[in-house]
């Protein structure tokens, strides 16, 4: 979620609530004889407000899952989730008087709260900057769910390219130009010229292309995850292709360039997958810990009010 001008009212509300709450806490702690306590009237107010902010932030997940529950705009819920969730942390600290508490439950709650708070800040920063970075670093961005399908298409394209390239290098007449056909037709009329050399065939070049494709390019294109191959580095890949150009005649270089472009597209698909995993991976921590916090927070509230 991009933090832009539409967040200004939420920022103003958050800062205003923080100033009012902080000022009240300073006055309360200064004039309280026994010191600030969570069970005091003001302490309960802080705890109630902090819990309400947390509950609102937690309801975002319920709104996403319940398709028929469309109260308010999704963008407003996202902004409220961010800023009220952020505001809940200082209010809970005011409630606890900046203490982790003496019991196991309260300490567990504070640890969970810190994890939720930190992971939430981390996620907000990622969602603000990552989309822009993704656009800059992955010009060929595709729909995430289509990455594997596109990857297999690249494999098919590369197979076809290499098959044509190898056939031409092996002396196949179907891949020869008119000039090469004419030169090949005159083979034997000039000293040392053969049909294959007239076509520009190169056994060494054909073997180099075949080995490079089978050992490096094709495994790289088929690889979904795992340790990176040497060709995954654009610099090393460029060096490999430059070595092939030495062995392949110039009119076949466009096919090598197409093959190089396919490898670059695969690198961008891999980069997009990694960035997507980072962009959404933090939720694997944030969401379950948030629900655990809400559940234990409800237990804490019941026990506090009863005892």
Protein backbone atom coordinates (compact mmCIF):
# COMPACT_ATOMS: atom_id res chain seq x y z
CA UNK A 1 0.00 0.00 0.00
CA UNK A 2 1.43 3.32 -1.12
CA UNK A 3 1.50 5.94 1.63
CA UNK A 4 0.41 9.09 -0.18
CA UNK A 5 -1.66 12.24 0.40
CA UNK A 6 -4.79 10.18 1.06
CA UNK A 7 -3.20 9.15 4.39
CA UNK A 8 -2.97 12.72 5.70
CA UNK A 9 -6.22 12.61 7.75
CA UNK A 10 -5.13 9.33 9.33
CA UNK A 11 -1.66 10.71 10.09
CA UNK A 12 -3.20 13.82 11.66
CA UNK A 13 -5.57 11.71 13.77
CA UNK A 14 -2.77 9.35 14.85
CA UNK A 15 -0.45 12.17 15.87
CA UNK A 16 -3.25 14.03 17.64
CA UNK A 17 -4.35 10.94 19.57
CA UNK A 18 -0.73 10.19 20.47
CA UNK A 19 -0.15 13.72 21.76
CA UNK A 20 -3.35 13.70 23.83
CA UNK A 21 -2.71 10.20 25.16
CA UNK A 22 0.94 10.92 25.90
CA UNK A 23 0.18 14.19 27.67
CA UNK A 24 -2.50 12.53 29.79
CA UNK A 25 -0.09 9.73 30.69
CA UNK A 26 2.64 12.16 31.76
CA UNK A 27 0.19 14.06 33.98
CA UNK A 28 -1.28 10.82 35.32
CA UNK A 29 2.09 9.29 36.16
CA UNK A 30 3.31 12.55 37.74
CA UNK A 31 0.38 12.99 40.11
CA UNK A 32 -0.46 9.36 40.82
CA UNK A 33 0.57 8.40 44.33
CA UNK A 34 1.09 4.73 43.66
CA UNK A 35 2.39 5.24 40.13
CA UNK A 36 0.61 4.36 36.90
CA UNK A 37 -1.19 1.01 36.89
CA UNK A 38 -3.10 -0.92 34.26
CA UNK A 39 -5.96 -1.52 36.68
CA UNK A 40 -6.52 2.18 37.41
CA UNK A 41 -9.39 4.01 35.69
CA UNK A 42 -7.09 5.76 33.22
CA UNK A 43 -5.08 2.57 32.78
CA UNK A 44 -8.28 0.73 31.82
CA UNK A 45 -9.14 3.51 29.37
CA UNK A 46 -5.75 3.10 27.70
CA UNK A 47 -6.18 -0.67 27.62
CA UNK A 48 -9.69 -0.41 26.14
CA UNK A 49 -8.63 2.05 23.44
CA UNK A 50 -5.54 0.04 22.56
CA UNK A 51 -7.60 -3.16 22.37
CA UNK A 52 -10.23 -1.44 20.22
CA UNK A 53 -7.54 -0.27 17.79
CA UNK A 54 -6.10 -3.78 17.69
CA UNK A 55 -9.53 -5.30 17.08
CA UNK A 56 -10.22 -2.94 14.20
CA UNK A 57 -6.87 -3.83 12.64
CA UNK A 58 -7.68 -7.53 13.04
CA UNK A 59 -11.08 -7.16 11.36
CA UNK A 60 -9.37 -6.37 8.05
CA UNK A 61 -8.66 -10.07 7.58
CA UNK A 62 -12.29 -10.94 8.28
CA UNK A 63 -13.46 -8.36 5.75
CA UNK A 64 -11.24 -9.90 3.06
CA UNK A 65 -12.51 -13.43 3.74
CA UNK A 66 -16.21 -12.56 3.98
CA UNK A 67 -17.00 -11.60 0.39
CA UNK A 68 -20.50 -10.43 1.28
CA UNK A 69 -19.24 -8.14 4.06
CA UNK A 70 -18.45 -4.91 2.26
CA UNK A 71 -18.67 -2.18 4.90
CA UNK A 72 -16.74 0.84 3.70
CA UNK A 73 -14.04 0.99 1.08
CA UNK A 74 -11.16 -1.46 1.13
CA UNK A 75 -8.68 1.42 0.87
CA UNK A 76 -10.13 3.03 4.01
CA UNK A 77 -9.86 -0.24 5.89
CA UNK A 78 -6.25 -0.60 4.82
CA UNK A 79 -5.40 2.89 6.03
CA UNK A 80 -7.22 2.30 9.28
CA UNK A 81 -5.45 -1.03 9.71
CA UNK A 82 -2.08 0.67 9.30
CA UNK A 83 -2.56 3.77 11.44
CA UNK A 84 -4.83 2.42 14.18
CA UNK A 85 -2.63 -0.66 14.44
CA UNK A 86 0.34 1.66 14.82
CA UNK A 87 -1.51 3.74 17.43
CA UNK A 88 -2.49 0.68 19.46
CA UNK A 89 1.12 0.02 20.45
CA UNK A 90 1.77 3.23 22.47
CA UNK A 91 -1.68 3.02 24.06
CA UNK A 92 -0.99 -0.52 25.26
CA UNK A 93 2.35 0.70 26.57
CA UNK A 94 0.52 3.45 28.47
CA UNK A 95 -1.84 0.79 29.81
CA UNK A 96 1.02 -1.39 31.03
CA UNK A 97 3.04 1.59 32.32
CA UNK A 98 5.82 0.53 29.95
CA UNK A 99 6.18 -2.77 31.80
CA UNK A 100 6.10 -6.34 30.50
CA UNK A 101 4.08 -7.31 33.55
CA UNK A 102 4.77 -9.87 36.24
CA UNK A 103 2.76 -12.82 34.94
CA UNK A 104 3.47 -15.25 32.11
CA UNK A 105 0.37 -14.20 30.18
CA UNK A 106 1.15 -10.48 30.21
CA UNK A 107 4.76 -11.07 29.23
CA UNK A 108 3.68 -13.33 26.39
CA UNK A 109 1.23 -10.67 25.24
CA UNK A 110 3.92 -8.00 25.17
CA UNK A 111 6.32 -10.19 23.23
CA UNK A 112 3.61 -11.03 20.69
CA UNK A 113 2.67 -7.38 20.46
CA UNK A 114 6.25 -6.36 19.69
CA UNK A 115 6.46 -9.04 16.98
CA UNK A 116 3.19 -7.84 15.43
CA UNK A 117 4.25 -4.19 15.63
CA UNK A 118 7.71 -4.73 14.11
CA UNK A 119 6.46 -7.07 11.38
CA UNK A 120 3.66 -4.59 10.57
CA UNK A 121 6.12 -1.71 10.19
CA UNK A 122 8.36 -3.91 8.07
CA UNK A 123 5.42 -4.87 5.85
CA UNK A 124 4.28 -1.26 5.46
CA UNK A 125 7.77 -0.20 4.36
CA UNK A 126 7.94 -3.11 1.88
CA UNK A 127 4.54 -2.35 0.40
CA UNK A 128 5.45 1.29 -0.01
CA UNK A 129 8.79 0.81 -1.78
CA UNK A 130 8.71 -2.69 -3.28
CA UNK A 131 6.18 -2.10 -6.12
CA UNK A 132 8.30 0.78 -7.45
CA UNK A 133 11.46 -1.31 -7.16
CA UNK A 134 9.71 -4.21 -8.89
CA UNK A 135 8.74 -1.98 -11.82
CA UNK A 136 12.31 -0.70 -12.17
CA UNK A 137 14.06 -4.07 -11.84
CA UNK A 138 11.52 -6.22 -13.68
CA UNK A 139 10.48 -4.40 -16.89
CA UNK A 140 9.02 -7.69 -18.22
CA UNK A 141 6.83 -8.18 -15.15
CA UNK A 142 4.04 -10.70 -15.66
CA UNK A 143 1.09 -11.89 -13.59
CA UNK A 144 2.56 -13.84 -10.68
CA UNK A 145 0.29 -16.87 -11.15
CA UNK A 146 1.39 -17.07 -14.80
CA UNK A 147 5.14 -17.20 -14.08
CA UNK A 148 5.44 -20.98 -14.42
CA UNK A 149 3.42 -21.01 -17.65
CA UNK A 150 5.61 -18.25 -19.13
CA UNK A 151 8.73 -20.12 -17.98
CA UNK A 152 7.66 -23.24 -19.89
CA UNK A 153 6.92 -21.12 -22.95
CA UNK A 154 10.48 -19.81 -22.78
CA UNK A 155 11.76 -23.40 -22.71
CA UNK A 156 9.78 -24.21 -25.88
CA UNK A 157 11.05 -21.07 -27.63
CA UNK A 158 14.63 -21.87 -26.68
CA UNK A 159 14.27 -25.48 -27.86
CA UNK A 160 13.08 -24.29 -31.26
CA UNK A 161 15.82 -21.67 -31.57
CA UNK A 162 18.60 -24.08 -30.67
CA UNK A 163 17.23 -26.77 -32.97
CA UNK A 164 17.30 -24.33 -35.90
CA UNK A 165 20.72 -23.05 -34.92
CA UNK A 166 22.23 -26.52 -34.62
CA UNK A 167 20.69 -27.63 -37.92
CA UNK A 168 22.20 -24.65 -39.69
CA UNK A 169 25.60 -25.21 -38.09
CA UNK A 170 25.42 -28.88 -39.07
CA UNK A 171 25.02 -27.89 -42.75
CA UNK A 172 21.27 -28.27 -43.18
CA UNK A 173 20.34 -26.67 -46.51
CA UNK A 174 16.88 -25.57 -45.31
CA UNK A 175 18.45 -22.99 -43.01
CA UNK A 176 20.87 -21.56 -45.55
CA UNK A 177 20.63 -18.18 -47.21
CA UNK A 178 20.48 -17.76 -51.00
CA UNK A 179 24.12 -16.68 -51.02
CA UNK A 180 25.12 -19.76 -49.04
CA UNK A 181 23.12 -22.00 -51.37
CA UNK A 182 24.89 -20.54 -54.37
CA UNK A 183 28.29 -20.90 -52.70
CA UNK A 184 27.50 -24.47 -51.66
CA UNK A 185 26.33 -25.32 -55.19
CA UNK A 186 29.74 -24.32 -56.51
CA UNK A 187 31.51 -26.56 -53.99
CA UNK A 188 34.26 -28.48 -55.64
CA UNK A 189 34.80 -25.96 -58.42
CA UNK A 190 37.18 -24.02 -56.19
CA UNK A 191 40.11 -25.53 -54.34
CA UNK A 192 39.37 -26.83 -50.83
CA UNK A 193 35.71 -25.75 -50.81
CA UNK A 194 33.20 -28.35 -49.67
CA UNK A 195 29.41 -28.40 -49.57
CA UNK A 196 29.40 -28.05 -45.77
CA UNK A 197 31.90 -25.19 -45.72
CA UNK A 198 29.91 -23.45 -48.42
CA UNK A 199 26.93 -23.47 -46.09
CA UNK A 200 29.07 -22.07 -43.29
CA UNK A 201 28.72 -25.25 -41.26
CA UNK A 202 30.81 -25.60 -38.13
CA UNK A 203 31.01 -28.87 -36.26
CA UNK A 204 32.82 -27.18 -33.40
CA UNK A 205 30.25 -24.38 -33.20
CA UNK A 206 27.36 -26.84 -33.33
CA UNK A 207 28.85 -28.88 -30.48
CA UNK A 208 29.52 -25.76 -28.39
CA UNK A 209 25.92 -24.57 -28.82
CA UNK A 210 24.54 -28.04 -27.99
CA UNK A 211 26.69 -28.41 -24.87
CA UNK A 212 25.96 -24.91 -23.61
CA UNK A 213 22.23 -25.34 -24.13
CA UNK A 214 21.99 -28.79 -22.52
CA UNK A 215 24.30 -28.07 -19.59
CA UNK A 216 23.44 -24.47 -18.78
CA UNK A 217 20.56 -22.80 -20.59
CA UNK A 218 17.88 -25.50 -20.53
CA UNK A 219 18.42 -26.48 -16.86
CA UNK A 220 18.31 -22.78 -15.96
CA UNK A 221 15.04 -22.24 -17.83
CA UNK A 222 13.46 -25.33 -16.25
CA UNK A 223 14.60 -24.45 -12.75
CA UNK A 224 11.80 -23.10 -10.59
CA UNK A 225 13.73 -22.63 -7.37
CA UNK A 226 17.04 -23.71 -5.92
CA UNK A 227 20.70 -22.66 -6.06
CA UNK A 228 21.46 -20.22 -8.83
CA UNK A 229 23.39 -21.40 -11.87
CA UNK A 230 26.23 -19.42 -13.37
CA UNK A 231 24.03 -18.23 -16.23
CA UNK A 232 21.67 -16.64 -13.69
CA UNK A 233 24.24 -13.86 -13.46
CA UNK A 234 23.83 -11.51 -16.42
CA UNK A 235 27.55 -10.75 -16.57
CA UNK A 236 28.61 -14.39 -16.72
CA UNK A 237 25.86 -15.16 -19.22
CA UNK A 238 27.09 -12.37 -21.49
CA UNK A 239 30.61 -13.80 -21.35
CA UNK A 240 29.31 -17.25 -22.32
CA UNK A 241 27.38 -15.90 -25.29
CA UNK A 242 30.37 -13.86 -26.44
CA UNK A 243 32.41 -17.08 -26.52
CA UNK A 244 29.73 -18.68 -28.70
CA UNK A 245 29.82 -15.74 -31.12
CA UNK A 246 33.47 -16.49 -31.80
CA UNK A 247 32.47 -19.98 -33.01
CA UNK A 248 29.32 -19.01 -34.90
CA UNK A 249 29.17 -16.99 -38.11
CA UNK A 250 27.84 -13.46 -37.87
CA UNK A 251 24.53 -14.00 -39.70
CA UNK A 252 23.53 -16.44 -36.90
CA UNK A 253 24.19 -13.96 -34.13
CA UNK A 254 20.53 -12.77 -34.09
CA UNK A 255 19.52 -16.27 -32.98
CA UNK A 256 22.06 -16.10 -30.17
CA UNK A 257 20.68 -12.69 -29.22
CA UNK A 258 17.16 -14.15 -29.10
CA UNK A 259 18.44 -16.96 -26.90
CA UNK A 260 20.18 -14.43 -24.67
CA UNK A 261 16.94 -12.43 -24.41
CA UNK A 262 15.10 -15.57 -23.32
CA UNK A 263 17.63 -16.08 -20.53
CA UNK A 264 17.22 -12.45 -19.45
CA UNK A 265 13.45 -12.85 -19.33
CA UNK A 266 13.89 -15.94 -17.15
CA UNK A 267 16.16 -13.95 -14.82
CA UNK A 268 13.46 -11.31 -14.51
CA UNK A 269 10.84 -13.96 -13.75
CA UNK A 270 13.08 -15.31 -10.99
CA UNK A 271 13.64 -11.81 -9.66
CA UNK A 272 9.91 -11.15 -9.66
CA UNK A 273 9.25 -14.41 -7.79
CA UNK A 274 11.85 -13.57 -5.14
CA UNK A 275 10.55 -10.05 -4.66
CA UNK A 276 6.98 -11.33 -4.47
CA UNK A 277 8.01 -13.84 -1.81
CA UNK A 278 9.64 -11.08 0.23
CA UNK A 279 6.67 -8.75 -0.30
CA UNK A 280 4.20 -11.32 1.03
CA UNK A 281 6.40 -13.55 3.20
CA UNK A 282 6.20 -11.25 6.22
CA UNK A 283 2.47 -12.02 6.43
CA UNK A 284 3.36 -15.59 7.42
CA UNK A 285 4.57 -14.09 10.70
CA UNK A 286 2.31 -11.08 11.04
CA UNK A 287 -1.10 -12.71 10.55
CA UNK A 288 -0.90 -15.76 12.84
CA UNK A 289 0.86 -13.80 15.59
CA UNK A 290 -1.80 -11.06 15.30
CA UNK A 291 -4.63 -13.56 15.81
CA UNK A 292 -2.79 -15.14 18.73
CA UNK A 293 -2.39 -11.67 20.23
CA UNK A 294 -6.11 -10.92 19.87
CA UNK A 295 -7.08 -14.25 21.42
CA UNK A 296 -4.73 -13.96 24.39
CA UNK A 297 -5.66 -10.30 24.74
CA UNK A 298 -9.31 -11.30 25.18
CA UNK A 299 -8.28 -13.87 27.81
CA UNK A 300 -6.22 -11.21 29.59
CA UNK A 301 -9.17 -8.79 29.59
CA UNK A 302 -11.53 -11.39 31.07
CA UNK A 303 -9.11 -12.33 33.82
CA UNK A 304 -8.32 -8.67 34.60
CA UNK A 305 -11.97 -7.75 34.94
CA UNK A 306 -12.89 -10.83 37.00
CA UNK A 307 -9.94 -10.82 39.36
